[in-house]
Amino acid sequence: MAPKPQIKLYTDSTPNGIKVSMALEELGLPYEFEHIDISTNRQKEPWFLEINPNGRTPL
C-alpha cells in the first residue's frame, strides 16, 4: 500500500512550479497536486492567502 501524501503542491506550469514537481518526483516523495491558474489570480483568493499570505506559487 502506497503511503498517503503529506505534501500538497499548489502550483501552475511555471518554471519554478515545474522545478518543485521534478524535485519531488526525483526524491520519490508522495505528493498531491492542485493546479493554481495564475492567469485568473486564483493565488490571490482568500482561501489561498490563508495558507500563503504572499500569494505566490509554488507552495
Protein backbone atom coordinates (compact mmCIF):
# COMPACT_ATOMS: atom_id res chain seq x y z
CA MET A 1 0.00 0.00 0.00
CA ALA A 2 1.41 3.39 -1.01
CA PRO A 3 1.91 5.99 1.72
CA LYS A 4 -0.62 8.80 1.91
CA PRO A 5 0.87 12.05 0.56
CA GLN A 6 1.65 14.59 3.24
CA ILE A 7 2.73 17.24 0.75
CA LYS A 8 0.20 19.18 -1.29
CA LEU A 9 1.75 21.15 -4.14
CA TYR A 10 -0.20 24.21 -5.23
CA THR A 11 1.31 25.45 -8.48
CA ASP A 12 0.95 26.38 -12.12
CA SER A 13 3.14 25.26 -15.00
CA THR A 14 5.71 27.98 -14.36
CA PRO A 15 9.46 27.29 -14.38
CA ASN A 16 9.61 27.20 -10.57
CA GLY A 17 6.49 25.08 -10.32
CA ILE A 18 8.00 22.56 -12.71
CA LYS A 19 11.27 22.51 -10.73
CA VAL A 20 9.45 21.72 -7.49
CA SER A 21 7.40 18.91 -9.01
CA MET A 22 10.54 17.47 -10.63
CA ALA A 23 12.37 17.57 -7.30
CA LEU A 24 9.51 15.77 -5.53
CA GLU A 25 9.44 13.12 -8.25
CA GLU A 26 13.22 12.61 -8.16
CA LEU A 27 13.17 12.31 -4.37
CA GLY A 28 10.36 9.78 -4.59
CA LEU A 29 8.19 11.75 -2.18
CA PRO A 30 4.45 11.23 -2.47
CA TYR A 31 2.53 14.44 -3.05
CA GLU A 32 -0.83 15.73 -4.18
CA PHE A 33 -1.06 18.31 -6.93
CA GLU A 34 -3.53 21.18 -7.20
CA HIS A 35 -3.40 23.42 -10.23
CA ILE A 36 -3.45 27.15 -9.49
CA ASP A 37 -4.26 29.15 -12.61
CA ILE A 38 -2.27 32.33 -12.06
CA SER A 39 -3.82 33.98 -15.14
CA THR A 40 -7.10 34.21 -13.20
CA ASN A 41 -5.40 35.42 -9.98
CA ARG A 42 -6.53 32.31 -8.12
CA GLN A 43 -3.44 32.69 -5.92
CA LYS A 44 -4.94 35.95 -4.57
CA GLU A 45 -8.20 34.38 -3.40
CA PRO A 46 -8.82 34.44 0.38
CA TRP A 47 -8.54 30.64 0.82
CA PHE A 48 -5.09 30.66 -0.78
CA LEU A 49 -3.89 33.73 1.14
CA GLU A 50 -4.75 31.90 4.38
CA ILE A 51 -2.14 29.24 3.63
CA ASN A 52 0.31 31.56 1.85
CA PRO A 53 -0.02 35.27 2.72
CA ASN A 54 2.42 36.21 -0.07
CA GLY A 55 0.01 34.86 -2.68
CA ARG A 56 2.78 33.19 -4.64
CA THR A 57 3.21 29.80 -6.25
CA PRO A 58 4.62 27.19 -5.99
CA LEU A 59 3.52 26.39 -2.49
